[in-house]
């Protein structure tokens, strides 16, 4: 039995633990949280993530518990649409629900240790850094230059009980502000991002909600109505951090997954999806190939794609949260919207 230590019991760690063959590996998941979170917003599952979930035997449950995402729009703060977006058959699932399903798929043979890991295990066949953007594994093995980097932006998000009108669904792009809302199980999933001095380490949720209400006081009634319902117990607030670019996600017998490898801004909604693909890809390779060959193929399959998405997400964030040139940006979006609408009519 080969000893595998997975540092981090979030999406990445649980998905990998669920994929590894219990007949080959003696797996331990180290997680500092005493229990799974109960508050979290909706994550859109793109096709690659859906394939990964199917490989874990969880896709049917995701479809049952999730919400299929319909059309939305990029909007001005007033709510006026600039560019209509199709849902494309995407399904949204809350982070707590996804974590519960992944947790249920982990074999009973996997050990769970509720602890914060400061020193990496020295007797492991494989050490997996699945410990997020502030990864101890990445800092230990890749050095201080690989430490997480804060952005100027805060992410405030949650779920409120009222259901959104289809005419209000989408993202609202203002001057240095972004706000999104969409239907989810039990109400409306919402998220906001803007420049803030709060944090950077721990952000008081009640203070962040007050700040958000001020930032979005000029937005549509739909946005203000959602924020009026938001309370600290059903909301989250945190500084947005990113990981620096890495040329490889492996060093010796150490490998990185998910945000530990490629933490990105949330503007493309791909972080959780690529994390699932990372975990299932690595698990499949490790199950079938010698370690070094598996890690080499993991790098080849995952580094370029995820680093491209990390860069694209950052660029999208800069456009969405720009503090100047809004008329030019919004005019270009409207022109794109007209062309897309024309093509749909032609089809």
C-alpha atoms as a PDB file:
ATOM      1  CA  UNK A   1       0.000   0.000   0.000  1.00  0.00           C
ATOM      2  CA  UNK A   2       1.409   3.375  -1.057  1.00  0.00           C
ATOM      3  CA  UNK A   3       1.007   6.156   1.509  1.00  0.00           C
ATOM      4  CA  UNK A   4      -0.729   9.263   0.127  1.00  0.00           C
ATOM      5  CA  UNK A   5      -1.187  12.371   2.271  1.00  0.00           C
ATOM      6  CA  UNK A   6      -3.715  14.884   0.936  1.00  0.00           C
ATOM      7  CA  UNK A   7      -3.298  18.279   2.600  1.00  0.00           C
ATOM      8  CA  UNK A   8      -6.700  19.946   2.409  1.00  0.00           C
ATOM      9  CA  UNK A   9     -10.183  18.483   2.572  1.00  0.00           C
ATOM     10  CA  UNK A  10     -12.054  20.859   0.279  1.00  0.00           C
ATOM     11  CA  UNK A  11     -13.220  20.216  -3.281  1.00  0.00           C
ATOM     12  CA  UNK A  12      -9.755  19.220  -4.526  1.00  0.00           C
ATOM     13  CA  UNK A  13      -8.835  16.945  -1.634  1.00  0.00           C
ATOM     14  CA  UNK A  14     -12.158  15.148  -1.384  1.00  0.00           C
ATOM     15  CA  UNK A  15     -12.431  14.614  -5.161  1.00  0.00           C
ATOM     16  CA  UNK A  16      -8.946  13.089  -5.291  1.00  0.00           C
ATOM     17  CA  UNK A  17      -9.610  10.902  -2.235  1.00  0.00           C
ATOM     18  CA  UNK A  18     -12.787   9.677  -3.932  1.00  0.00           C
ATOM     19  CA  UNK A  19     -10.909   8.820  -7.133  1.00  0.00           C
ATOM     20  CA  UNK A  20      -7.835   7.032  -5.728  1.00  0.00           C
ATOM     21  CA  UNK A  21      -7.984   3.237  -5.744  1.00  0.00           C
ATOM     22  CA  UNK A  22      -8.303   2.053  -2.102  1.00  0.00           C
ATOM     23  CA  UNK A  23      -6.751  -1.275  -3.064  1.00  0.00           C
ATOM     24  CA  UNK A  24      -3.500   0.496  -3.983  1.00  0.00           C
ATOM     25  CA  UNK A  25      -3.265   3.484  -1.667  1.00  0.00           C
ATOM     26  CA  UNK A  26      -3.300   4.188   2.039  1.00  0.00           C
ATOM     27  CA  UNK A  27      -4.864   7.669   1.951  1.00  0.00           C
ATOM     28  CA  UNK A  28      -5.043  10.296   4.699  1.00  0.00           C
ATOM     29  CA  UNK A  29      -6.886  13.604   4.270  1.00  0.00           C
ATOM     30  CA  UNK A  30      -5.650  16.396   6.558  1.00  0.00           C
ATOM     31  CA  UNK A  31      -8.209  19.203   7.029  1.00  0.00           C
ATOM     32  CA  UNK A  32      -8.128  21.945   9.656  1.00  0.00           C
ATOM     33  CA  UNK A  33     -11.875  22.738   9.554  1.00  0.00           C
ATOM     34  CA  UNK A  34     -13.827  20.785  12.160  1.00  0.00           C
ATOM     35  CA  UNK A  35     -16.744  20.232   9.763  1.00  0.00           C
ATOM     36  CA  UNK A  36     -17.934  20.964   6.244  1.00  0.00           C
ATOM     37  CA  UNK A  37     -19.185  24.534   5.637  1.00  0.00           C
ATOM     38  CA  UNK A  38     -22.922  25.194   5.634  1.00  0.00           C
ATOM     39  CA  UNK A  39     -22.843  28.581   3.853  1.00  0.00           C
ATOM     40  CA  UNK A  40     -21.696  29.062   0.282  1.00  0.00           C
ATOM     41  CA  UNK A  41     -22.790  30.300  -3.096  1.00  0.00           C
ATOM     42  CA  UNK A  42     -23.619  28.432  -6.285  1.00  0.00           C
ATOM     43  CA  UNK A  43     -20.903  27.044  -8.569  1.00  0.00           C
ATOM     44  CA  UNK A  44     -21.611  26.564 -12.273  1.00  0.00           C
ATOM     45  CA  UNK A  45     -20.528  23.133 -13.481  1.00  0.00           C
ATOM     46  CA  UNK A  46     -19.045  23.413 -16.973  1.00  0.00           C
ATOM     47  CA  UNK A  47     -18.769  20.343 -19.251  1.00  0.00           C
ATOM     48  CA  UNK A  48     -15.303  19.305 -18.057  1.00  0.00           C
ATOM     49  CA  UNK A  49     -16.427  19.378 -14.442  1.00  0.00           C
ATOM     50  CA  UNK A  50     -19.566  17.442 -15.295  1.00  0.00           C
ATOM     51  CA  UNK A  51     -17.430  14.745 -16.921  1.00  0.00           C
ATOM     52  CA  UNK A  52     -15.265  14.613 -13.796  1.00  0.00           C
ATOM     53  CA  UNK A  53     -18.341  14.301 -11.585  1.00  0.00           C
ATOM     54  CA  UNK A  54     -19.673  11.520 -13.828  1.00  0.00           C
ATOM     55  CA  UNK A  55     -16.381   9.671 -13.384  1.00  0.00           C
ATOM     56  CA  UNK A  56     -16.880   9.917  -9.613  1.00  0.00           C
ATOM     57  CA  UNK A  57     -20.452   8.629  -9.934  1.00  0.00           C
ATOM     58  CA  UNK A  58     -21.942  11.932  -8.730  1.00  0.00           C
ATOM     59  CA  UNK A  59     -23.375  13.578 -11.840  1.00  0.00           C
ATOM     60  CA  UNK A  60     -26.905  12.266 -11.364  1.00  0.00           C
ATOM     61  CA  UNK A  61     -26.971  13.564  -7.786  1.00  0.00           C
ATOM     62  CA  UNK A  62     -25.603  16.929  -8.925  1.00  0.00           C
ATOM     63  CA  UNK A  63     -28.383  17.196 -11.517  1.00  0.00           C
ATOM     64  CA  UNK A  64     -30.981  16.322  -8.900  1.00  0.00           C
ATOM     65  CA  UNK A  65     -29.731  18.801  -6.301  1.00  0.00           C
ATOM     66  CA  UNK A  66     -28.597  21.560  -8.635  1.00  0.00           C
ATOM     67  CA  UNK A  67     -30.336  24.219 -10.699  1.00  0.00           C
ATOM     68  CA  UNK A  68     -30.084  24.397 -14.472  1.00  0.00           C
ATOM     69  CA  UNK A  69     -28.936  27.881 -15.437  1.00  0.00           C
ATOM     70  CA  UNK A  70     -31.053  29.698 -18.003  1.00  0.00           C
ATOM     71  CA  UNK A  71     -30.211  32.789 -20.044  1.00  0.00           C
ATOM     72  CA  UNK A  72     -28.932  35.947 -18.386  1.00  0.00           C
ATOM     73  CA  UNK A  73     -27.306  39.167 -19.504  1.00  0.00           C
ATOM     74  CA  UNK A  74     -24.430  41.537 -18.932  1.00  0.00           C
ATOM     75  CA  UNK A  75     -26.175  44.654 -17.660  1.00  0.00           C
ATOM     76  CA  UNK A  76     -25.584  48.261 -16.772  1.00  0.00           C
ATOM     77  CA  UNK A  77     -26.089  49.125 -13.081  1.00  0.00           C
ATOM     78  CA  UNK A  78     -29.624  50.211 -13.987  1.00  0.00           C
ATOM     79  CA  UNK A  79     -30.388  46.690 -15.190  1.00  0.00           C
ATOM     80  CA  UNK A  80     -30.417  47.582 -18.891  1.00  0.00           C
ATOM     81  CA  UNK A  81     -29.001  44.581 -20.831  1.00  0.00           C
ATOM     82  CA  UNK A  82     -25.908  45.066 -22.971  1.00  0.00           C
ATOM     83  CA  UNK A  83     -25.209  41.464 -23.991  1.00  0.00           C
ATOM     84  CA  UNK A  84     -27.469  38.430 -23.609  1.00  0.00           C
ATOM     85  CA  UNK A  85     -25.843  35.172 -22.482  1.00  0.00           C
ATOM     86  CA  UNK A  86     -27.261  31.669 -22.876  1.00  0.00           C
ATOM     87  CA  UNK A  87     -27.057  29.221 -19.987  1.00  0.00           C
ATOM     88  CA  UNK A  88     -25.820  26.497 -22.335  1.00  0.00           C
ATOM     89  CA  UNK A  89     -27.234  23.687 -20.204  1.00  0.00           C
ATOM     90  CA  UNK A  90     -24.956  24.503 -17.275  1.00  0.00           C
ATOM     91  CA  UNK A  91     -26.049  23.271 -13.878  1.00  0.00           C
ATOM     92  CA  UNK A  92     -25.371  25.222 -10.692  1.00  0.00           C
ATOM     93  CA  UNK A  93     -24.781  23.535  -7.345  1.00  0.00           C
ATOM     94  CA  UNK A  94     -24.044  25.172  -4.001  1.00  0.00           C
ATOM     95  CA  UNK A  95     -20.564  24.703  -2.593  1.00  0.00           C
ATOM     96  CA  UNK A  96     -21.893  23.030   0.599  1.00  0.00           C
ATOM     97  CA  UNK A  97     -23.952  20.566  -1.467  1.00  0.00           C
ATOM     98  CA  UNK A  98     -20.979  19.766  -3.719  1.00  0.00           C
ATOM     99  CA  UNK A  99     -18.734  19.197  -0.708  1.00  0.00           C
ATOM    100  CA  UNK A 100     -21.296  16.897   0.931  1.00  0.00           C
ATOM    101  CA  UNK A 101     -21.572  14.794  -2.232  1.00  0.00           C
ATOM    102  CA  UNK A 102     -17.795  14.568  -2.655  1.00  0.00           C
ATOM    103  CA  UNK A 103     -17.443  13.650   1.012  1.00  0.00           C
ATOM    104  CA  UNK A 104     -19.979  10.845   0.598  1.00  0.00           C
ATOM    105  CA  UNK A 105     -17.957   9.412  -2.307  1.00  0.00           C
ATOM    106  CA  UNK A 106     -14.727   9.063  -0.282  1.00  0.00           C
ATOM    107  CA  UNK A 107     -14.041   5.399   0.620  1.00  0.00           C
ATOM    108  CA  UNK A 108     -14.404   4.486   4.282  1.00  0.00           C
ATOM    109  CA  UNK A 109     -10.778   3.323   4.273  1.00  0.00           C
ATOM    110  CA  UNK A 110      -9.561   6.920   3.929  1.00  0.00           C
ATOM    111  CA  UNK A 111      -8.296   8.360   7.219  1.00  0.00           C
ATOM    112  CA  UNK A 112      -9.434  11.845   8.288  1.00  0.00           C
ATOM    113  CA  UNK A 113      -7.206  14.034  10.452  1.00  0.00           C
ATOM    114  CA  UNK A 114      -8.632  17.324  11.724  1.00  0.00           C
ATOM    115  CA  UNK A 115      -5.436  19.330  11.930  1.00  0.00           C
ATOM    116  CA  UNK A 116      -3.495  22.173  10.406  1.00  0.00           C
ATOM    117  CA  UNK A 117      -0.389  20.861   8.660  1.00  0.00           C
ATOM    118  CA  UNK A 118       2.722  23.009   9.127  1.00  0.00           C
ATOM    119  CA  UNK A 119       5.382  20.385   8.334  1.00  0.00           C
ATOM    120  CA  UNK A 120       4.859  18.070   5.368  1.00  0.00           C
ATOM    121  CA  UNK A 121       4.852  14.301   6.050  1.00  0.00           C
ATOM    122  CA  UNK A 122       8.307  12.845   5.351  1.00  0.00           C
ATOM    123  CA  UNK A 123       7.287   9.204   4.863  1.00  0.00           C
ATOM    124  CA  UNK A 124       4.732   9.659   2.069  1.00  0.00           C
ATOM    125  CA  UNK A 125       4.804   8.037  -1.336  1.00  0.00           C
ATOM    126  CA  UNK A 126       2.888  11.123  -2.514  1.00  0.00           C
ATOM    127  CA  UNK A 127       2.104  14.473  -0.844  1.00  0.00           C
ATOM    128  CA  UNK A 128      -0.789  16.389  -2.385  1.00  0.00           C
ATOM    129  CA  UNK A 129      -1.219  20.132  -1.873  1.00  0.00           C
ATOM    130  CA  UNK A 130      -4.978  20.629  -2.026  1.00  0.00           C
ATOM    131  CA  UNK A 131      -4.882  23.364   0.598  1.00  0.00           C
ATOM    132  CA  UNK A 132      -6.089  26.374  -1.363  1.00  0.00           C
ATOM    133  CA  UNK A 133      -4.689  29.719  -2.362  1.00  0.00           C
ATOM    134  CA  UNK A 134      -2.714  30.097   0.896  1.00  0.00           C
ATOM    135  CA  UNK A 135      -1.190  26.640   0.391  1.00  0.00           C
ATOM    136  CA  UNK A 136       1.403  25.587   2.951  1.00  0.00           C
ATOM    137  CA  UNK A 137       2.549  22.916   0.491  1.00  0.00           C
ATOM    138  CA  UNK A 138       3.190  25.461  -2.266  1.00  0.00           C
ATOM    139  CA  UNK A 139       5.101  27.834   0.027  1.00  0.00           C
ATOM    140  CA  UNK A 140       7.158  24.996   1.504  1.00  0.00           C
ATOM    141  CA  UNK A 141       8.193  23.405  -1.790  1.00  0.00           C
ATOM    142  CA  UNK A 142       8.125  26.341  -4.223  1.00  0.00           C
ATOM    143  CA  UNK A 143       9.457  29.039  -1.866  1.00  0.00           C
ATOM    144  CA  UNK A 144       8.374  32.467  -0.653  1.00  0.00           C
ATOM    145  CA  UNK A 145       7.940  33.822  -4.179  1.00  0.00           C
ATOM    146  CA  UNK A 146       5.083  31.355  -4.622  1.00  0.00           C
ATOM    147  CA  UNK A 147       3.070  32.881  -1.762  1.00  0.00           C
ATOM    148  CA  UNK A 148      -0.486  34.061  -2.451  1.00  0.00           C
ATOM    149  CA  UNK A 149      -0.994  37.606  -3.681  1.00  0.00           C
ATOM    150  CA  UNK A 150      -3.914  39.821  -2.620  1.00  0.00           C
ATOM    151  CA  UNK A 151      -5.909  41.749  -5.213  1.00  0.00           C
ATOM    152  CA  UNK A 152      -7.484  45.143  -4.431  1.00  0.00           C
ATOM    153  CA  UNK A 153     -10.921  43.531  -4.571  1.00  0.00           C
ATOM    154  CA  UNK A 154     -13.308  42.078  -2.039  1.00  0.00           C
ATOM    155  CA  UNK A 155     -15.740  39.252  -2.820  1.00  0.00           C
ATOM    156  CA  UNK A 156     -19.044  39.377  -0.938  1.00  0.00           C
ATOM    157  CA  UNK A 157     -21.638  36.694  -1.717  1.00  0.00           C
ATOM    158  CA  UNK A 158     -24.480  34.609  -0.437  1.00  0.00           C
ATOM    159  CA  UNK A 159     -27.937  33.188  -1.059  1.00  0.00           C
ATOM    160  CA  UNK A 160     -31.184  34.972  -0.171  1.00  0.00           C
ATOM    161  CA  UNK A 161     -34.609  33.268  -0.065  1.00  0.00           C
ATOM    162  CA  UNK A 162     -36.457  35.219  -2.779  1.00  0.00           C
ATOM    163  CA  UNK A 163     -36.352  33.962  -6.374  1.00  0.00           C
ATOM    164  CA  UNK A 164     -35.064  36.373  -9.050  1.00  0.00           C
ATOM    165  CA  UNK A 165     -37.127  37.517 -12.006  1.00  0.00           C
ATOM    166  CA  UNK A 166     -35.709  36.284 -15.345  1.00  0.00           C
ATOM    167  CA  UNK A 167     -35.485  39.948 -16.388  1.00  0.00           C
ATOM    168  CA  UNK A 168     -32.983  40.595 -13.581  1.00  0.00           C
ATOM    169  CA  UNK A 169     -30.664  37.580 -13.945  1.00  0.00           C
ATOM    170  CA  UNK A 170     -27.087  38.302 -14.990  1.00  0.00           C
ATOM    171  CA  UNK A 171     -24.060  40.428 -14.129  1.00  0.00           C
ATOM    172  CA  UNK A 172     -24.203  44.179 -13.536  1.00  0.00           C
ATOM    173  CA  UNK A 173     -21.015  45.985 -14.583  1.00  0.00           C
ATOM    174  CA  UNK A 174     -20.519  49.457 -13.124  1.00  0.00           C
ATOM    175  CA  UNK A 175     -17.600  51.777 -12.492  1.00  0.00           C
ATOM    176  CA  UNK A 176     -15.248  49.552 -10.531  1.00  0.00           C
ATOM    177  CA  UNK A 177     -18.096  47.327  -9.344  1.00  0.00           C
ATOM    178  CA  UNK A 178     -19.548  43.985 -10.374  1.00  0.00           C
ATOM    179  CA  UNK A 179     -22.733  42.350  -9.113  1.00  0.00           C
ATOM    180  CA  UNK A 180     -24.274  39.055 -10.210  1.00  0.00           C
ATOM    181  CA  UNK A 181     -27.493  37.262  -9.414  1.00  0.00           C
ATOM    182  CA  UNK A 182     -28.990  33.988 -10.595  1.00  0.00           C
ATOM    183  CA  UNK A 183     -31.586  31.444  -9.428  1.00  0.00           C
ATOM    184  CA  UNK A 184     -30.441  28.635  -7.176  1.00  0.00           C
ATOM    185  CA  UNK A 185     -31.921  25.974  -4.941  1.00  0.00           C
ATOM    186  CA  UNK A 186     -33.862  27.877  -2.298  1.00  0.00           C
ATOM    187  CA  UNK A 187     -33.652  31.399  -3.733  1.00  0.00           C
ATOM    188  CA  UNK A 188     -31.176  33.759  -5.367  1.00  0.00           C
ATOM    189  CA  UNK A 189     -27.428  33.257  -5.567  1.00  0.00           C
ATOM    190  CA  UNK A 190     -25.649  36.636  -5.550  1.00  0.00           C
ATOM    191  CA  UNK A 191     -22.089  37.889  -5.590  1.00  0.00           C
ATOM    192  CA  UNK A 192     -20.436  41.285  -5.547  1.00  0.00           C
ATOM    193  CA  UNK A 193     -16.898  42.484  -6.128  1.00  0.00           C
ATOM    194  CA  UNK A 194     -15.384  45.952  -5.658  1.00  0.00           C
ATOM    195  CA  UNK A 195     -12.285  47.693  -4.327  1.00  0.00           C
ATOM    196  CA  UNK A 196     -12.135  47.679  -0.543  1.00  0.00           C
ATOM    197  CA  UNK A 197      -9.752  48.369   2.333  1.00  0.00           C
ATOM    198  CA  UNK A 198     -11.311  45.659   4.506  1.00  0.00           C
ATOM    199  CA  UNK A 199      -9.097  42.709   5.417  1.00  0.00           C
ATOM    200  CA  UNK A 200      -6.983  41.446   3.865  1.00  0.00           C
ATOM    201  CA  UNK A 201      -6.867  38.394   6.156  1.00  0.00           C
ATOM    202  CA  UNK A 202     -10.184  38.254   8.010  1.00  0.00           C
ATOM    203  CA  UNK A 203     -13.125  40.306   6.817  1.00  0.00           C
ATOM    204  CA  UNK A 204     -16.074  41.107   9.068  1.00  0.00           C
ATOM    205  CA  UNK A 205     -19.142  39.987   7.096  1.00  0.00           C
ATOM    206  CA  UNK A 206     -21.547  42.494   8.663  1.00  0.00           C
ATOM    207  CA  UNK A 207     -19.151  45.350   7.865  1.00  0.00           C
ATOM    208  CA  UNK A 208     -18.708  44.073   4.307  1.00  0.00           C
ATOM    209  CA  UNK A 209     -22.482  43.937   3.769  1.00  0.00           C
ATOM    210  CA  UNK A 210     -22.830  47.553   4.930  1.00  0.00           C
ATOM    211  CA  UNK A 211     -20.060  48.572   2.566  1.00  0.00           C
ATOM    212  CA  UNK A 212     -21.669  46.639  -0.308  1.00  0.00           C
ATOM    213  CA  UNK A 213     -25.034  48.336   0.268  1.00  0.00           C
ATOM    214  CA  UNK A 214     -23.286  51.691  -0.098  1.00  0.00           C
ATOM    215  CA  UNK A 215     -21.377  50.661  -3.228  1.00  0.00           C
ATOM    216  CA  UNK A 216     -24.525  49.410  -4.962  1.00  0.00           C
ATOM    217  CA  UNK A 217     -26.980  52.078  -3.780  1.00  0.00           C
ATOM    218  CA  UNK A 218     -27.227  53.417  -7.357  1.00  0.00           C
ATOM    219  CA  UNK A 219     -27.934  49.975  -8.876  1.00  0.00           C
ATOM    220  CA  UNK A 220     -31.286  48.549  -9.925  1.00  0.00           C
ATOM    221  CA  UNK A 221     -34.092  47.736  -7.499  1.00  0.00           C
ATOM    222  CA  UNK A 222     -33.345  44.021  -8.009  1.00  0.00           C
ATOM    223  CA  UNK A 223     -29.761  44.420  -6.781  1.00  0.00           C
ATOM    224  CA  UNK A 224     -30.729  46.584  -3.827  1.00  0.00           C
ATOM    225  CA  UNK A 225     -33.543  44.168  -2.930  1.00  0.00           C
ATOM    226  CA  UNK A 226     -31.115  41.257  -2.750  1.00  0.00           C
ATOM    227  CA  UNK A 227     -28.678  43.188  -0.562  1.00  0.00           C
ATOM    228  CA  UNK A 228     -31.526  44.253   1.734  1.00  0.00           C
ATOM    229  CA  UNK A 229     -32.268  40.554   2.408  1.00  0.00           C
ATOM    230  CA  UNK A 230     -28.623  39.549   2.949  1.00  0.00           C
ATOM    231  CA  UNK A 231     -27.561  38.894   6.530  1.00  0.00           C
ATOM    232  CA  UNK A 232     -24.159  37.861   7.952  1.00  0.00           C
ATOM    233  CA  UNK A 233     -25.298  34.312   8.758  1.00  0.00           C
ATOM    234  CA  UNK A 234     -26.130  33.565   5.095  1.00  0.00           C
ATOM    235  CA  UNK A 235     -23.287  35.546   3.509  1.00  0.00           C
ATOM    236  CA  UNK A 236     -19.514  35.331   3.039  1.00  0.00           C
ATOM    237  CA  UNK A 237     -16.913  38.058   2.600  1.00  0.00           C
ATOM    238  CA  UNK A 238     -13.235  37.683   1.796  1.00  0.00           C
ATOM    239  CA  UNK A 239     -10.365  39.333   0.004  1.00  0.00           C
ATOM    240  CA  UNK A 240      -9.743  37.916  -3.476  1.00  0.00           C
ATOM    241  CA  UNK A 241      -6.281  36.351  -3.589  1.00  0.00           C
ATOM    242  CA  UNK A 242      -4.480  34.744  -6.517  1.00  0.00           C
ATOM    243  CA  UNK A 243      -1.567  32.347  -6.858  1.00  0.00           C
ATOM    244  CA  UNK A 244       1.501  33.325  -8.920  1.00  0.00           C
ATOM    245  CA  UNK A 245       2.077  31.527 -12.225  1.00  0.00           C
ATOM    246  CA  UNK A 246       3.835  28.164 -11.967  1.00  0.00           C
ATOM    247  CA  UNK A 247       5.570  26.296 -14.789  1.00  0.00           C
ATOM    248  CA  UNK A 248       5.029  22.909 -13.091  1.00  0.00           C
ATOM    249  CA  UNK A 249       2.634  21.624 -10.442  1.00  0.00           C
ATOM    250  CA  UNK A 250       4.988  18.883  -9.241  1.00  0.00           C
ATOM    251  CA  UNK A 251       8.310  18.687  -7.383  1.00  0.00           C
ATOM    252  CA  UNK A 252       9.659  15.258  -6.487  1.00  0.00           C
ATOM    253  CA  UNK A 253       6.818  13.411  -4.782  1.00  0.00           C
ATOM    254  CA  UNK A 254       4.763  16.595  -4.198  1.00  0.00           C
ATOM    255  CA  UNK A 255       1.890  17.725  -6.429  1.00  0.00           C
ATOM    256  CA  UNK A 256      -0.514  20.688  -6.348  1.00  0.00           C
ATOM    257  CA  UNK A 257      -4.238  20.709  -7.169  1.00  0.00           C
ATOM    258  CA  UNK A 258      -6.871  23.392  -7.589  1.00  0.00           C
ATOM    259  CA  UNK A 259      -6.333  26.799  -5.978  1.00  0.00           C
ATOM    260  CA  UNK A 260      -3.019  25.650  -4.527  1.00  0.00           C
ATOM    261  CA  UNK A 261      -1.817  25.358  -8.137  1.00  0.00           C
ATOM    262  CA  UNK A 262      -3.705  28.034 -10.045  1.00  0.00           C
ATOM    263  CA  UNK A 263      -5.956  30.202  -7.853  1.00  0.00           C
ATOM    264  CA  UNK A 264      -7.683  32.681 -10.139  1.00  0.00           C
ATOM    265  CA  UNK A 265     -10.109  35.542  -9.807  1.00  0.00           C
ATOM    266  CA  UNK A 266     -13.747  34.365  -9.990  1.00  0.00           C
ATOM    267  CA  UNK A 267     -14.630  36.248 -13.178  1.00  0.00           C
ATOM    268  CA  UNK A 268     -14.873  33.207 -15.462  1.00  0.00           C
ATOM    269  CA  UNK A 269     -16.493  30.973 -12.846  1.00  0.00           C
ATOM    270  CA  UNK A 270     -14.009  28.195 -13.591  1.00  0.00           C
ATOM    271  CA  UNK A 271     -12.040  27.736 -10.369  1.00  0.00           C
ATOM    272  CA  UNK A 272     -14.090  24.911  -8.846  1.00  0.00           C
ATOM    273  CA  UNK A 273     -14.565  23.265 -12.244  1.00  0.00           C
ATOM    274  CA  UNK A 274     -10.852  23.107 -13.012  1.00  0.00           C
ATOM    275  CA  UNK A 275     -10.208  21.875  -9.486  1.00  0.00           C
ATOM    276  CA  UNK A 276     -12.510  18.893 -10.094  1.00  0.00           C
ATOM    277  CA  UNK A 277     -10.801  18.162 -13.406  1.00  0.00           C
ATOM    278  CA  UNK A 278      -7.366  18.392 -11.720  1.00  0.00           C
ATOM    279  CA  UNK A 279      -8.342  15.893  -9.045  1.00  0.00           C
ATOM    280  CA  UNK A 280      -9.958  13.322 -11.309  1.00  0.00           C
ATOM    281  CA  UNK A 281      -7.162  13.599 -13.883  1.00  0.00           C
ATOM    282  CA  UNK A 282      -4.463  13.088 -11.246  1.00  0.00           C
ATOM    283  CA  UNK A 283      -6.363  10.248  -9.583  1.00  0.00           C
ATOM    284  CA  UNK A 284      -6.837   8.422 -12.867  1.00  0.00           C
ATOM    285  CA  UNK A 285      -3.153   8.788 -13.805  1.00  0.00           C
ATOM    286  CA  UNK A 286      -1.878   7.762 -10.370  1.00  0.00           C
ATOM    287  CA  UNK A 287      -4.175   4.728 -10.368  1.00  0.00           C
ATOM    288  CA  UNK A 288      -2.874   3.502 -13.728  1.00  0.00           C
ATOM    289  CA  UNK A 289       0.762   4.602 -14.118  1.00  0.00           C
ATOM    290  CA  UNK A 290       4.073   4.686 -12.220  1.00  0.00           C
ATOM    291  CA  UNK A 291       4.310   7.794 -10.073  1.00  0.00           C
ATOM    292  CA  UNK A 292       6.792   9.873 -12.065  1.00  0.00           C
ATOM    293  CA  UNK A 293       5.116   9.084 -15.380  1.00  0.00           C
ATOM    294  CA  UNK A 294       1.727   9.978 -13.878  1.00  0.00           C
ATOM    295  CA  UNK A 295       3.021  13.299 -12.510  1.00  0.00           C
ATOM    296  CA  UNK A 296       4.691  14.140 -15.822  1.00  0.00           C
ATOM    297  CA  UNK A 297       1.438  13.552 -17.710  1.00  0.00           C
ATOM    298  CA  UNK A 298      -0.521  15.506 -15.104  1.00  0.00           C
ATOM    299  CA  UNK A 299       1.705  18.541 -15.732  1.00  0.00           C
ATOM    300  CA  UNK A 300       1.374  18.152 -19.465  1.00  0.00           C
ATOM    301  CA  UNK A 301      -2.421  17.911 -19.335  1.00  0.00           C
ATOM    302  CA  UNK A 302      -3.196  20.545 -16.711  1.00  0.00           C
ATOM    303  CA  UNK A 303      -0.568  23.306 -16.444  1.00  0.00           C
ATOM    304  CA  UNK A 304      -1.031  25.115 -19.760  1.00  0.00           C
ATOM    305  CA  UNK A 305      -4.830  24.979 -19.715  1.00  0.00           C
ATOM    306  CA  UNK A 306      -5.245  26.180 -16.146  1.00  0.00           C
ATOM    307  CA  UNK A 307      -2.624  28.914 -16.460  1.00  0.00           C
ATOM    308  CA  UNK A 308      -4.386  30.188 -19.589  1.00  0.00           C
ATOM    309  CA  UNK A 309      -7.678  30.285 -17.677  1.00  0.00           C
ATOM    310  CA  UNK A 310      -5.980  32.030 -14.761  1.00  0.00           C
ATOM    311  CA  UNK A 311      -4.727  34.742 -17.099  1.00  0.00           C
ATOM    312  CA  UNK A 312      -8.064  35.032 -18.950  1.00  0.00           C
ATOM    313  CA  UNK A 313      -9.946  35.343 -15.679  1.00  0.00           C
ATOM    314  CA  UNK A 314      -7.637  38.137 -14.546  1.00  0.00           C
ATOM    315  CA  UNK A 315      -8.116  39.995 -17.830  1.00  0.00           C
ATOM    316  CA  UNK A 316     -11.889  39.607 -17.627  1.00  0.00           C
ATOM    317  CA  UNK A 317     -11.810  40.965 -14.074  1.00  0.00           C
ATOM    318  CA  UNK A 318      -9.890  44.043 -15.186  1.00  0.00           C
ATOM    319  CA  UNK A 319     -12.489  44.736 -17.871  1.00  0.00           C
ATOM    320  CA  UNK A 320     -15.485  44.112 -15.606  1.00  0.00           C
ATOM    321  CA  UNK A 321     -14.081  46.157 -12.711  1.00  0.00           C
ATOM    322  CA  UNK A 322     -12.538  48.970 -14.758  1.00  0.00           C
ATOM    323  CA  UNK A 323     -12.888  52.401 -13.167  1.00  0.00           C
ATOM    324  CA  UNK A 324     -12.506  54.354 -16.406  1.00  0.00           C
ATOM    325  CA  UNK A 325     -13.657  54.071 -20.042  1.00  0.00           C
ATOM    326  CA  UNK A 326     -17.082  52.631 -19.137  1.00  0.00           C
ATOM    327  CA  UNK A 327     -18.841  54.226 -22.154  1.00  0.00           C
ATOM    328  CA  UNK A 328     -16.352  52.616 -24.543  1.00  0.00           C
ATOM    329  CA  UNK A 329     -16.560  49.230 -22.800  1.00  0.00           C
ATOM    330  CA  UNK A 330     -20.347  49.270 -22.640  1.00  0.00           C
ATOM    331  CA  UNK A 331     -20.654  50.434 -26.247  1.00  0.00           C
ATOM    332  CA  UNK A 332     -18.491  47.522 -27.420  1.00  0.00           C
ATOM    333  CA  UNK A 333     -20.598  45.073 -25.393  1.00  0.00           C
ATOM    334  CA  UNK A 334     -23.777  46.408 -26.981  1.00  0.00           C
ATOM    335  CA  UNK A 335     -22.304  45.988 -30.461  1.00  0.00           C
ATOM    336  CA  UNK A 336     -21.307  42.404 -29.637  1.00  0.00           C
ATOM    337  CA  UNK A 337     -24.838  41.816 -28.307  1.00  0.00           C
ATOM    338  CA  UNK A 338     -26.415  43.071 -31.539  1.00  0.00           C
ATOM    339  CA  UNK A 339     -24.189  40.816 -33.639  1.00  0.00           C
ATOM    340  CA  UNK A 340     -24.965  37.781 -31.478  1.00  0.00           C
ATOM    341  CA  UNK A 341     -28.694  38.526 -31.670  1.00  0.00           C
ATOM    342  CA  UNK A 342     -28.459  38.877 -35.452  1.00  0.00           C
ATOM    343  CA  UNK A 343     -26.710  35.508 -35.793  1.00  0.00           C
ATOM    344  CA  UNK A 344     -29.374  33.824 -33.638  1.00  0.00           C
ATOM    345  CA  UNK A 345     -32.132  35.217 -35.845  1.00  0.00           C
ATOM    346  CA  UNK A 346     -30.264  34.059 -38.955  1.00  0.00           C
ATOM    347  CA  UNK A 347     -29.942  30.576 -37.498  1.00  0.00           C
END
